[in-house]
Amino acid sequence: MAEYELIAVGASWGGLHAVGDLLETLPDEVTAPLVLAQHRSPDSEAGGLERLLQLHTTRTVREAGDKDPIRERHVYVAAPDYHLLVDEGSFALSLDERVQYSRPSIDVLFESVADAYGERAIGIILTGANADGAAGLARIKERGGVAIVQDPGTAERAAMPEAAIAATVADAILPLAEIGPFLYGLCCGTPEAA
């Protein structure tokens, strides 16, 4: 069984609610850190998203900084107006051009996760109104990682999950409430995710 070391999550329209629900259903036994690229305004209130997400979990939620180490049981959020990338074990920030009209871009994050973690990575695409994340999720899958997509019928905006499903063969397409238990199965070895 693969040992998963990083869970990358991408969300846009409706993402605050979706990520909050995901955090609430994520069992404590899942120790892999979560890294989130959530589309938001460049002038978003500093720390606002982190404070709201912290209400849904006992894990530490914080904005990822350049060169910060990646720690187990943490939730890291991409800063507004920066691309977030990972090297194995740490973060990097970039002011490169927007991708899919977005910075942070889910594709940029997911592609760096795929390249750094390969088969030890899990990518999750949640609700959103564009195609950002589809190519990145496909890269995670190509490198041997796991691709999970929120069931478009349960998403506040279906475009992002639909684009991800069209771009790769997802390992699981699940309603939001079932993603946390599925992650438990993957990371903790229960038969339901085999």
N, C-alpha and C. Protein backbone atom coordinates (compact mmCIF):
# COMPACT_ATOMS: atom_id res chain seq x y z
N MET A 1 0.84 -1.19 0.00
CA MET A 1 0.00 0.00 0.00
C MET A 1 0.88 1.25 0.00
N ALA A 2 0.54 2.21 -0.84
CA ALA A 2 1.30 3.46 -0.91
C ALA A 2 1.10 4.25 0.38
N GLU A 3 2.14 4.99 0.75
CA GLU A 3 2.01 5.88 1.89
C GLU A 3 1.88 7.30 1.35
N TYR A 4 0.74 7.91 1.60
CA TYR A 4 0.46 9.23 1.04
C TYR A 4 0.99 10.31 1.98
N GLU A 5 1.76 11.23 1.41
CA GLU A 5 2.45 12.23 2.23
C GLU A 5 1.89 13.64 2.05
N LEU A 6 1.04 13.85 1.04
CA LEU A 6 0.51 15.19 0.82
C LEU A 6 -0.84 15.09 0.12
N ILE A 7 -1.80 15.89 0.60
CA ILE A 7 -3.13 15.96 0.00
C ILE A 7 -3.30 17.38 -0.52
N ALA A 8 -3.45 17.52 -1.83
CA ALA A 8 -3.62 18.84 -2.45
C ALA A 8 -5.09 19.01 -2.80
N VAL A 9 -5.66 20.17 -2.43
CA VAL A 9 -7.08 20.44 -2.63
C VAL A 9 -7.21 21.72 -3.44
N GLY A 10 -8.09 21.68 -4.44
CA GLY A 10 -8.37 22.86 -5.25
C GLY A 10 -9.85 23.18 -5.22
N ALA A 11 -10.17 24.46 -5.02
CA ALA A 11 -11.57 24.89 -4.97
C ALA A 11 -11.69 26.32 -5.45
N SER A 12 -12.88 26.66 -5.92
CA SER A 12 -13.15 28.02 -6.34
C SER A 12 -14.52 28.41 -5.79
N TRP A 13 -15.45 28.74 -6.67
CA TRP A 13 -16.77 29.19 -6.27
C TRP A 13 -17.42 28.15 -5.36
N GLY A 14 -17.82 28.55 -4.16
CA GLY A 14 -18.42 27.63 -3.20
C GLY A 14 -17.39 26.87 -2.37
N GLY A 15 -16.12 27.20 -2.56
CA GLY A 15 -15.05 26.45 -1.92
C GLY A 15 -14.98 26.56 -0.42
N LEU A 16 -15.30 27.72 0.14
CA LEU A 16 -15.22 27.87 1.60
C LEU A 16 -16.11 26.83 2.28
N HIS A 17 -17.33 26.71 1.83
CA HIS A 17 -18.26 25.73 2.40
C HIS A 17 -17.75 24.31 2.16
N ALA A 18 -17.30 24.03 0.93
CA ALA A 18 -16.86 22.68 0.58
C ALA A 18 -15.63 22.27 1.37
N VAL A 19 -14.64 23.15 1.47
CA VAL A 19 -13.43 22.81 2.21
C VAL A 19 -13.73 22.67 3.69
N GLY A 20 -14.60 23.53 4.22
CA GLY A 20 -15.00 23.39 5.62
C GLY A 20 -15.64 22.04 5.89
N ASP A 21 -16.52 21.61 5.01
CA ASP A 21 -17.15 20.29 5.16
C ASP A 21 -16.12 19.18 5.06
N LEU A 22 -15.18 19.30 4.12
CA LEU A 22 -14.14 18.29 3.98
C LEU A 22 -13.32 18.17 5.26
N LEU A 23 -12.94 19.31 5.83
CA LEU A 23 -12.14 19.28 7.06
C LEU A 23 -12.91 18.65 8.21
N GLU A 24 -14.22 18.91 8.26
CA GLU A 24 -15.03 18.33 9.35
C GLU A 24 -15.13 16.81 9.24
N THR A 25 -15.08 16.28 8.03
CA THR A 25 -15.23 14.83 7.84
C THR A 25 -13.89 14.11 7.73
N LEU A 26 -12.78 14.84 7.84
CA LEU A 26 -11.46 14.22 7.71
C LEU A 26 -11.03 13.65 9.06
N PRO A 27 -10.92 12.33 9.15
CA PRO A 27 -10.59 11.71 10.45
C PRO A 27 -9.21 12.13 10.96
N ASP A 28 -9.08 12.20 12.28
CA ASP A 28 -7.82 12.58 12.92
C ASP A 28 -6.68 11.64 12.54
N GLU A 29 -7.01 10.39 12.23
CA GLU A 29 -5.97 9.41 11.91
C GLU A 29 -5.24 9.73 10.60
N VAL A 30 -5.82 10.57 9.76
CA VAL A 30 -5.15 10.96 8.52
C VAL A 30 -4.13 12.05 8.88
N THR A 31 -2.85 11.68 8.82
CA THR A 31 -1.80 12.61 9.27
C THR A 31 -1.22 13.45 8.13
N ALA A 32 -1.47 13.06 6.88
CA ALA A 32 -0.91 13.80 5.75
C ALA A 32 -1.39 15.25 5.78
N PRO A 33 -0.49 16.20 5.53
CA PRO A 33 -0.92 17.60 5.48
C PRO A 33 -1.79 17.87 4.25
N LEU A 34 -2.68 18.87 4.40
CA LEU A 34 -3.50 19.34 3.29
C LEU A 34 -2.94 20.66 2.81
N VAL A 35 -2.87 20.82 1.49
CA VAL A 35 -2.44 22.08 0.90
C VAL A 35 -3.57 22.55 -0.01
N LEU A 36 -4.08 23.76 0.23
CA LEU A 36 -5.26 24.26 -0.46
C LEU A 36 -4.94 25.45 -1.35
N ALA A 37 -5.35 25.34 -2.62
CA ALA A 37 -5.40 26.51 -3.50
C ALA A 37 -6.87 26.85 -3.68
N GLN A 38 -7.28 27.98 -3.13
CA GLN A 38 -8.66 28.46 -3.18
C GLN A 38 -8.65 29.78 -3.92
N HIS A 39 -9.41 29.89 -5.01
CA HIS A 39 -9.49 31.17 -5.71
C HIS A 39 -10.11 32.20 -4.78
N ARG A 40 -9.46 33.36 -4.68
CA ARG A 40 -10.00 34.47 -3.90
C ARG A 40 -9.39 35.77 -4.39
N SER A 41 -9.99 36.85 -3.98
CA SER A 41 -9.56 38.16 -4.44
C SER A 41 -8.15 38.49 -3.94
N PRO A 42 -7.33 39.17 -4.78
CA PRO A 42 -5.99 39.56 -4.33
C PRO A 42 -6.00 40.43 -3.08
N ASP A 43 -7.10 41.17 -2.86
CA ASP A 43 -7.16 42.04 -1.68
C ASP A 43 -7.98 41.41 -0.55
N SER A 44 -8.04 40.08 -0.53
CA SER A 44 -8.73 39.38 0.56
C SER A 44 -8.15 39.78 1.90
N GLU A 45 -8.99 39.78 2.92
CA GLU A 45 -8.54 40.10 4.27
C GLU A 45 -7.45 39.12 4.70
N ALA A 46 -6.35 39.67 5.21
CA ALA A 46 -5.25 38.82 5.65
C ALA A 46 -5.72 37.87 6.75
N GLY A 47 -5.50 36.59 6.54
CA GLY A 47 -5.85 35.59 7.54
C GLY A 47 -7.31 35.24 7.62
N GLY A 48 -8.16 35.87 6.81
CA GLY A 48 -9.61 35.64 6.91
C GLY A 48 -10.01 34.21 6.58
N LEU A 49 -9.50 33.69 5.47
CA LEU A 49 -9.84 32.33 5.06
C LEU A 49 -9.34 31.32 6.09
N GLU A 50 -8.14 31.54 6.58
CA GLU A 50 -7.57 30.63 7.57
C GLU A 50 -8.42 30.59 8.84
N ARG A 51 -8.84 31.76 9.30
CA ARG A 51 -9.68 31.81 10.52
C ARG A 51 -11.00 31.08 10.32
N LEU A 52 -11.62 31.26 9.15
CA LEU A 52 -12.89 30.59 8.88
C LEU A 52 -12.72 29.08 8.80
N LEU A 53 -11.66 28.63 8.14
CA LEU A 53 -11.43 27.18 8.04
C LEU A 53 -11.06 26.58 9.38
N GLN A 54 -10.37 27.34 10.23
CA GLN A 54 -9.97 26.82 11.54
C GLN A 54 -11.18 26.45 12.38
N LEU A 55 -12.33 27.07 12.11
CA LEU A 55 -13.55 26.73 12.85
C LEU A 55 -14.03 25.31 12.57
N HIS A 56 -13.52 24.69 11.49
CA HIS A 56 -13.99 23.37 11.07
C HIS A 56 -13.03 22.23 11.40
N THR A 57 -11.91 22.54 12.06
CA THR A 57 -10.92 21.49 12.30
C THR A 57 -10.06 21.80 13.52
N THR A 58 -9.52 20.75 14.13
CA THR A 58 -8.55 20.94 15.22
C THR A 58 -7.12 20.99 14.67
N ARG A 59 -6.95 20.70 13.37
CA ARG A 59 -5.63 20.81 12.77
C ARG A 59 -5.23 22.28 12.70
N THR A 60 -3.95 22.55 12.67
CA THR A 60 -3.47 23.92 12.52
C THR A 60 -3.71 24.36 11.08
N VAL A 61 -4.38 25.50 10.89
CA VAL A 61 -4.62 26.06 9.57
C VAL A 61 -3.81 27.34 9.46
N ARG A 62 -2.97 27.43 8.41
CA ARG A 62 -2.16 28.64 8.25
C ARG A 62 -1.85 28.90 6.79
N GLU A 63 -1.54 30.13 6.51
CA GLU A 63 -1.10 30.50 5.17
C GLU A 63 0.31 29.97 4.96
N ALA A 64 0.55 29.39 3.79
CA ALA A 64 1.88 28.86 3.48
C ALA A 64 2.81 30.00 3.09
N GLY A 65 3.98 30.03 3.69
CA GLY A 65 4.99 31.03 3.36
C GLY A 65 6.14 30.43 2.58
N ASP A 66 6.87 31.28 1.88
CA ASP A 66 8.01 30.82 1.08
C ASP A 66 9.03 30.13 1.98
N LYS A 67 9.44 28.93 1.59
CA LYS A 67 10.44 28.11 2.29
C LYS A 67 9.91 27.49 3.59
N ASP A 68 8.63 27.69 3.93
CA ASP A 68 8.08 27.05 5.12
C ASP A 68 8.15 25.53 4.97
N PRO A 69 8.52 24.82 6.05
CA PRO A 69 8.47 23.36 6.00
C PRO A 69 7.01 22.88 6.03
N ILE A 70 6.78 21.72 5.40
CA ILE A 70 5.44 21.13 5.38
C ILE A 70 5.36 20.14 6.53
N ARG A 71 4.40 20.34 7.43
CA ARG A 71 4.28 19.50 8.63
C ARG A 71 3.01 18.67 8.60
N GLU A 72 3.09 17.48 9.19
CA GLU A 72 1.93 16.60 9.29
C GLU A 72 0.81 17.28 10.09
N ARG A 73 -0.42 16.86 9.80
CA ARG A 73 -1.62 17.33 10.51
C ARG A 73 -1.84 18.84 10.41
N HIS A 74 -1.27 19.48 9.40
CA HIS A 74 -1.48 20.90 9.17
C HIS A 74 -2.30 21.09 7.89
N VAL A 75 -2.98 22.23 7.83
CA VAL A 75 -3.69 22.66 6.62
C VAL A 75 -3.03 23.96 6.17
N TYR A 76 -2.51 23.96 4.96
CA TYR A 76 -1.83 25.13 4.43
C TYR A 76 -2.67 25.74 3.31
N VAL A 77 -2.79 27.07 3.34
CA VAL A 77 -3.62 27.80 2.39
C VAL A 77 -2.71 28.70 1.54
N ALA A 78 -2.94 28.69 0.24
CA ALA A 78 -2.18 29.56 -0.65
C ALA A 78 -2.53 31.02 -0.37
N ALA A 79 -1.52 31.86 -0.34
CA ALA A 79 -1.73 33.30 -0.11
C ALA A 79 -2.44 33.93 -1.29
N PRO A 80 -3.25 34.98 -1.04
CA PRO A 80 -3.89 35.68 -2.16
C PRO A 80 -2.84 36.27 -3.10
N ASP A 81 -3.08 36.13 -4.40
CA ASP A 81 -2.27 36.74 -5.45
C ASP A 81 -0.85 36.16 -5.57
N TYR A 82 -0.63 34.96 -5.02
CA TYR A 82 0.63 34.24 -5.22
C TYR A 82 0.32 32.82 -5.68
N HIS A 83 1.12 32.31 -6.61
CA HIS A 83 1.07 30.87 -6.89
C HIS A 83 1.79 30.17 -5.76
N LEU A 84 1.25 29.04 -5.34
CA LEU A 84 1.89 28.22 -4.31
C LEU A 84 2.41 26.95 -4.97
N LEU A 85 3.68 26.67 -4.75
CA LEU A 85 4.30 25.45 -5.27
C LEU A 85 4.91 24.70 -4.10
N VAL A 86 5.11 23.39 -4.29
CA VAL A 86 5.80 22.61 -3.28
C VAL A 86 7.05 21.99 -3.88
N ASP A 87 8.10 21.97 -3.07
CA ASP A 87 9.25 21.12 -3.29
C ASP A 87 9.04 20.01 -2.26
N GLU A 88 9.81 18.96 -2.32
CA GLU A 88 9.60 17.92 -1.32
C GLU A 88 9.95 18.48 0.05
N GLY A 89 8.93 18.64 0.88
CA GLY A 89 9.13 19.07 2.26
C GLY A 89 9.00 20.54 2.54
N SER A 90 8.84 21.39 1.50
CA SER A 90 8.70 22.83 1.76
C SER A 90 7.92 23.52 0.63
N PHE A 91 7.59 24.79 0.87
CA PHE A 91 6.80 25.57 -0.08
C PHE A 91 7.65 26.60 -0.80
N ALA A 92 7.14 27.04 -1.94
CA ALA A 92 7.71 28.17 -2.67
C ALA A 92 6.55 29.02 -3.18
N LEU A 93 6.74 30.33 -3.18
CA LEU A 93 5.73 31.26 -3.70
C LEU A 93 6.23 31.86 -5.00
N SER A 94 5.29 32.19 -5.88
CA SER A 94 5.64 32.74 -7.19
C SER A 94 4.66 33.83 -7.58
N LEU A 95 5.18 34.85 -8.26
CA LEU A 95 4.35 35.91 -8.82
C LEU A 95 4.25 35.78 -10.34
N ASP A 96 4.49 34.59 -10.88
CA ASP A 96 4.36 34.36 -12.31
C ASP A 96 2.95 34.73 -12.76
N GLU A 97 2.78 34.83 -14.08
CA GLU A 97 1.49 35.22 -14.65
C GLU A 97 0.36 34.32 -14.17
N ARG A 98 -0.85 34.89 -14.17
CA ARG A 98 -2.03 34.12 -13.81
C ARG A 98 -2.22 32.94 -14.76
N VAL A 99 -2.78 31.87 -14.25
CA VAL A 99 -3.11 30.68 -15.04
C VAL A 99 -4.61 30.45 -14.86
N GLN A 100 -5.33 30.26 -15.98
CA GLN A 100 -6.80 30.15 -15.92
C GLN A 100 -7.38 31.38 -15.18
N TYR A 101 -6.78 32.53 -15.42
CA TYR A 101 -7.21 33.80 -14.81
C TYR A 101 -6.99 33.84 -13.31
N SER A 102 -6.22 32.93 -12.77
CA SER A 102 -6.12 32.81 -11.31
C SER A 102 -4.68 32.82 -10.82
N ARG A 103 -4.48 33.44 -9.69
CA ARG A 103 -3.26 33.36 -8.91
C ARG A 103 -3.67 33.53 -7.46
N PRO A 104 -3.69 32.46 -6.68
CA PRO A 104 -3.07 31.17 -6.92
C PRO A 104 -3.84 30.32 -7.94
N SER A 105 -3.09 29.54 -8.69
CA SER A 105 -3.68 28.60 -9.64
C SER A 105 -3.63 27.20 -9.06
N ILE A 106 -4.74 26.50 -9.19
CA ILE A 106 -4.79 25.10 -8.74
C ILE A 106 -3.86 24.26 -9.61
N ASP A 107 -3.85 24.50 -10.93
CA ASP A 107 -2.97 23.74 -11.81
C ASP A 107 -1.51 23.87 -11.40
N VAL A 108 -1.07 25.08 -11.10
CA VAL A 108 0.33 25.30 -10.71
C VAL A 108 0.65 24.51 -9.45
N LEU A 109 -0.21 24.59 -8.44
CA LEU A 109 0.01 23.84 -7.20
C LEU A 109 0.05 22.34 -7.49
N PHE A 110 -0.98 21.82 -8.17
CA PHE A 110 -1.09 20.39 -8.39
C PHE A 110 0.08 19.84 -9.22
N GLU A 111 0.51 20.59 -10.23
CA GLU A 111 1.62 20.12 -11.06
C GLU A 111 2.90 20.04 -10.23
N SER A 112 3.12 20.99 -9.33
CA SER A 112 4.31 20.93 -8.48
C SER A 112 4.20 19.78 -7.48
N VAL A 113 3.00 19.53 -6.97
CA VAL A 113 2.78 18.39 -6.06
C VAL A 113 3.07 17.08 -6.79
N ALA A 114 2.57 16.95 -8.02
CA ALA A 114 2.81 15.74 -8.81
C ALA A 114 4.30 15.51 -9.02
N ASP A 115 5.02 16.59 -9.36
CA ASP A 115 6.45 16.45 -9.65
C ASP A 115 7.26 16.15 -8.39
N ALA A 116 6.85 16.70 -7.26
CA ALA A 116 7.62 16.51 -6.02
C ALA A 116 7.26 15.21 -5.30
N TYR A 117 5.98 14.81 -5.35
CA TYR A 117 5.53 13.69 -4.51
C TYR A 117 5.09 12.45 -5.29
N GLY A 118 4.81 12.59 -6.60
CA GLY A 118 4.48 11.43 -7.42
C GLY A 118 3.39 10.56 -6.81
N GLU A 119 3.68 9.28 -6.61
CA GLU A 119 2.68 8.31 -6.12
C GLU A 119 2.34 8.51 -4.65
N ARG A 120 3.01 9.42 -3.99
CA ARG A 120 2.71 9.69 -2.57
C ARG A 120 1.73 10.87 -2.42
N ALA A 121 1.16 11.34 -3.55
CA ALA A 121 0.27 12.51 -3.54
C ALA A 121 -1.18 12.12 -3.81
N ILE A 122 -2.07 12.89 -3.21
CA ILE A 122 -3.51 12.79 -3.47
C ILE A 122 -3.97 14.18 -3.91
N GLY A 123 -4.70 14.24 -5.01
CA GLY A 123 -5.27 15.51 -5.47
C GLY A 123 -6.79 15.45 -5.41
N ILE A 124 -7.39 16.54 -4.95
CA ILE A 124 -8.85 16.62 -4.81
C ILE A 124 -9.35 17.90 -5.46
N ILE A 125 -10.27 17.77 -6.40
CA ILE A 125 -10.91 18.93 -7.01
C ILE A 125 -12.32 19.05 -6.47
N LEU A 126 -12.62 20.23 -5.93
CA LEU A 126 -13.95 20.51 -5.39
C LEU A 126 -14.68 21.51 -6.30
N THR A 127 -15.73 22.06 -5.82
CA THR A 127 -16.60 22.98 -6.55
C THR A 127 -15.83 24.16 -7.17
N GLY A 128 -16.29 24.62 -8.32
CA GLY A 128 -15.69 25.78 -8.95
C GLY A 128 -16.30 26.05 -10.31
N ALA A 129 -16.09 27.28 -10.80
CA ALA A 129 -16.78 27.71 -12.00
C ALA A 129 -15.89 27.80 -13.23
N ASN A 130 -14.66 27.24 -13.18
CA ASN A 130 -13.84 27.20 -14.39
C ASN A 130 -13.10 25.87 -14.46
N ALA A 131 -12.10 25.77 -15.32
CA ALA A 131 -11.41 24.49 -15.53
C ALA A 131 -10.07 24.40 -14.80
N ASP A 132 -9.75 25.38 -13.95
CA ASP A 132 -8.48 25.33 -13.23
C ASP A 132 -8.44 24.06 -12.39
N GLY A 133 -7.30 23.38 -12.40
CA GLY A 133 -7.12 22.16 -11.63
C GLY A 133 -7.23 20.89 -12.44
N ALA A 134 -7.91 20.95 -13.58
CA ALA A 134 -8.10 19.74 -14.39
C ALA A 134 -6.75 19.19 -14.88
N ALA A 135 -5.92 20.06 -15.46
CA ALA A 135 -4.62 19.61 -15.96
C ALA A 135 -3.72 19.17 -14.82
N GLY A 136 -3.78 19.88 -13.70
CA GLY A 136 -2.96 19.51 -12.54
C GLY A 136 -3.36 18.17 -11.95
N LEU A 137 -4.66 17.91 -11.88
CA LEU A 137 -5.12 16.62 -11.36
C LEU A 137 -4.68 15.50 -12.30
N ALA A 138 -4.75 15.76 -13.61
CA ALA A 138 -4.29 14.77 -14.57
C ALA A 138 -2.81 14.47 -14.38
N ARG A 139 -2.01 15.48 -14.06
CA ARG A 139 -0.57 15.29 -13.81
C ARG A 139 -0.36 14.44 -12.57
N ILE A 140 -1.12 14.70 -11.51
CA ILE A 140 -1.00 13.87 -10.30
C ILE A 140 -1.29 12.41 -10.64
N LYS A 141 -2.35 12.18 -11.39
CA LYS A 141 -2.72 10.82 -11.78
C LYS A 141 -1.63 10.18 -12.65
N GLU A 142 -1.09 10.94 -13.60
CA GLU A 142 -0.03 10.42 -14.48
C GLU A 142 1.21 10.01 -13.70
N ARG A 143 1.50 10.72 -12.62
CA ARG A 143 2.69 10.44 -11.82
C ARG A 143 2.44 9.36 -10.75
N GLY A 144 1.27 8.73 -10.80
CA GLY A 144 0.99 7.62 -9.89
C GLY A 144 0.22 7.98 -8.65
N GLY A 145 -0.16 9.26 -8.51
CA GLY A 145 -0.94 9.68 -7.35
C GLY A 145 -2.41 9.35 -7.52
N VAL A 146 -3.20 9.75 -6.54
CA VAL A 146 -4.64 9.47 -6.52
C VAL A 146 -5.41 10.73 -6.90
N ALA A 147 -6.39 10.56 -7.79
CA ALA A 147 -7.23 11.68 -8.25
C ALA A 147 -8.65 11.50 -7.72
N ILE A 148 -9.10 12.49 -6.95
CA ILE A 148 -10.45 12.46 -6.36
C ILE A 148 -11.18 13.72 -6.82
N VAL A 149 -12.44 13.57 -7.19
CA VAL A 149 -13.24 14.70 -7.66
C VAL A 149 -14.57 14.70 -6.93
N GLN A 150 -14.98 15.89 -6.49
CA GLN A 150 -16.32 16.02 -5.92
C GLN A 150 -17.36 15.72 -6.99
N ASP A 151 -18.35 14.94 -6.65
CA ASP A 151 -19.46 14.65 -7.56
C ASP A 151 -20.05 15.98 -8.02
N PRO A 152 -20.01 16.26 -9.35
CA PRO A 152 -20.52 17.55 -9.83
C PRO A 152 -21.95 17.84 -9.40
N GLY A 153 -22.75 16.80 -9.25
CA GLY A 153 -24.13 16.99 -8.82
C GLY A 153 -24.26 17.51 -7.40
N THR A 154 -23.19 17.42 -6.61
CA THR A 154 -23.22 17.92 -5.23
C THR A 154 -22.44 19.22 -5.07
N ALA A 155 -21.86 19.72 -6.17
CA ALA A 155 -21.03 20.93 -6.11
C ALA A 155 -21.88 22.18 -6.31
N GLU A 156 -21.51 23.25 -5.62
CA GLU A 156 -22.21 24.52 -5.80
C GLU A 156 -22.06 25.02 -7.24
N ARG A 157 -20.88 24.79 -7.83
CA ARG A 157 -20.63 25.05 -9.24
C ARG A 157 -19.96 23.81 -9.82
N ALA A 158 -20.54 23.24 -10.87
CA ALA A 158 -20.10 21.94 -11.38
C ALA A 158 -18.97 22.02 -12.40
N ALA A 159 -18.66 23.21 -12.93
CA ALA A 159 -17.70 23.31 -14.03
C ALA A 159 -16.33 22.73 -13.69
N MET A 160 -15.82 23.04 -12.51
CA MET A 160 -14.48 22.58 -12.16
C MET A 160 -14.43 21.05 -11.99
N PRO A 161 -15.34 20.44 -11.23
CA PRO A 161 -15.33 18.98 -11.18
C PRO A 161 -15.55 18.32 -12.54
N GLU A 162 -16.43 18.88 -13.35
CA GLU A 162 -16.69 18.30 -14.68
C GLU A 162 -15.43 18.37 -15.55
N ALA A 163 -14.69 19.47 -15.49
CA ALA A 163 -13.46 19.60 -16.27
C ALA A 163 -12.42 18.58 -15.80
N ALA A 164 -12.34 18.37 -14.49
CA ALA A 164 -11.39 17.39 -13.95
C ALA A 164 -11.74 15.98 -14.40
N ILE A 165 -13.02 15.65 -14.39
CA ILE A 165 -13.47 14.32 -14.82
C ILE A 165 -13.17 14.11 -16.31
N ALA A 166 -13.30 15.17 -17.10
CA ALA A 166 -13.00 15.07 -18.53
C ALA A 166 -11.51 14.94 -18.80
N ALA A 167 -10.67 15.44 -17.88
CA ALA A 167 -9.23 15.49 -18.12
C ALA A 167 -8.49 14.23 -17.71
N THR A 168 -9.06 13.43 -16.80
CA THR A 168 -8.35 12.25 -16.32
C THR A 168 -9.34 11.21 -15.82
N VAL A 169 -8.86 10.01 -15.62
CA VAL A 169 -9.69 8.95 -15.04
C VAL A 169 -9.56 9.06 -13.52
N ALA A 170 -10.58 9.61 -12.89
CA ALA A 170 -10.53 9.80 -11.44
C ALA A 170 -10.60 8.46 -10.73
N ASP A 171 -9.89 8.36 -9.62
CA ASP A 171 -9.97 7.17 -8.78
C ASP A 171 -11.28 7.13 -8.01
N ALA A 172 -11.85 8.30 -7.76
CA ALA A 172 -13.13 8.37 -7.04
C ALA A 172 -13.82 9.67 -7.39
N ILE A 173 -15.13 9.59 -7.63
CA ILE A 173 -16.00 10.76 -7.81
C ILE A 173 -17.04 10.63 -6.72
N LEU A 174 -16.98 11.51 -5.73
CA LEU A 174 -17.74 11.31 -4.51
C LEU A 174 -18.49 12.56 -4.07
N PRO A 175 -19.65 12.38 -3.41
CA PRO A 175 -20.27 13.51 -2.73
C PRO A 175 -19.31 14.01 -1.64
N LEU A 176 -19.40 15.27 -1.33
CA LEU A 176 -18.49 15.89 -0.37
C LEU A 176 -18.38 15.11 0.93
N ALA A 177 -19.49 14.64 1.46
CA ALA A 177 -19.49 13.96 2.76
C ALA A 177 -18.72 12.65 2.74
N GLU A 178 -18.46 12.09 1.55
CA GLU A 178 -17.78 10.80 1.48
C GLU A 178 -16.28 10.92 1.21
N ILE A 179 -15.80 12.13 0.95
CA ILE A 179 -14.38 12.30 0.62
C ILE A 179 -13.51 12.05 1.85
N GLY A 180 -13.87 12.61 3.00
CA GLY A 180 -13.09 12.39 4.22
C GLY A 180 -12.96 10.91 4.58
N PRO A 181 -14.08 10.17 4.63
CA PRO A 181 -13.97 8.73 4.90
C PRO A 181 -13.14 7.99 3.84
N PHE A 182 -13.24 8.41 2.57
CA PHE A 182 -12.44 7.77 1.52
C PHE A 182 -10.95 8.01 1.78
N LEU A 183 -10.60 9.23 2.19
CA LEU A 183 -9.20 9.53 2.53
C LEU A 183 -8.72 8.67 3.69
N TYR A 184 -9.60 8.46 4.65
CA TYR A 184 -9.24 7.57 5.77
C TYR A 184 -8.90 6.18 5.24
N GLY A 185 -9.72 5.68 4.34
CA GLY A 185 -9.46 4.37 3.76
C GLY A 185 -8.13 4.32 3.02
N LEU A 186 -7.83 5.36 2.24
CA LEU A 186 -6.57 5.40 1.51
C LEU A 186 -5.36 5.46 2.44
N CYS A 187 -5.46 6.36 3.41
CA CYS A 187 -4.29 6.65 4.25
C CYS A 187 -4.13 5.70 5.42
N CYS A 188 -5.21 5.08 5.83
CA CYS A 188 -5.16 4.23 7.03
C CYS A 188 -5.43 2.76 6.72
N GLY A 189 -5.65 2.44 5.44
CA GLY A 189 -5.66 1.07 5.02
C GLY A 189 -6.94 0.27 5.25
N THR A 190 -8.10 0.91 5.25
CA THR A 190 -9.33 0.14 5.37
C THR A 190 -9.76 -0.36 3.99
N PRO A 191 -10.46 -1.47 3.92
CA PRO A 191 -10.82 -2.06 2.64
C PRO A 191 -11.71 -1.21 1.75
N GLU A 192 -12.48 -0.25 2.33
CA GLU A 192 -13.44 0.50 1.52
C GLU A 192 -12.78 1.33 0.42
N ALA A 193 -11.50 1.64 0.57
CA ALA A 193 -10.82 2.45 -0.46
C ALA A 193 -9.89 1.62 -1.33
N ALA A 194 -9.94 0.33 -1.15
CA ALA A 194 -9.02 -0.53 -1.92
C ALA A 194 -9.41 -0.57 -3.39
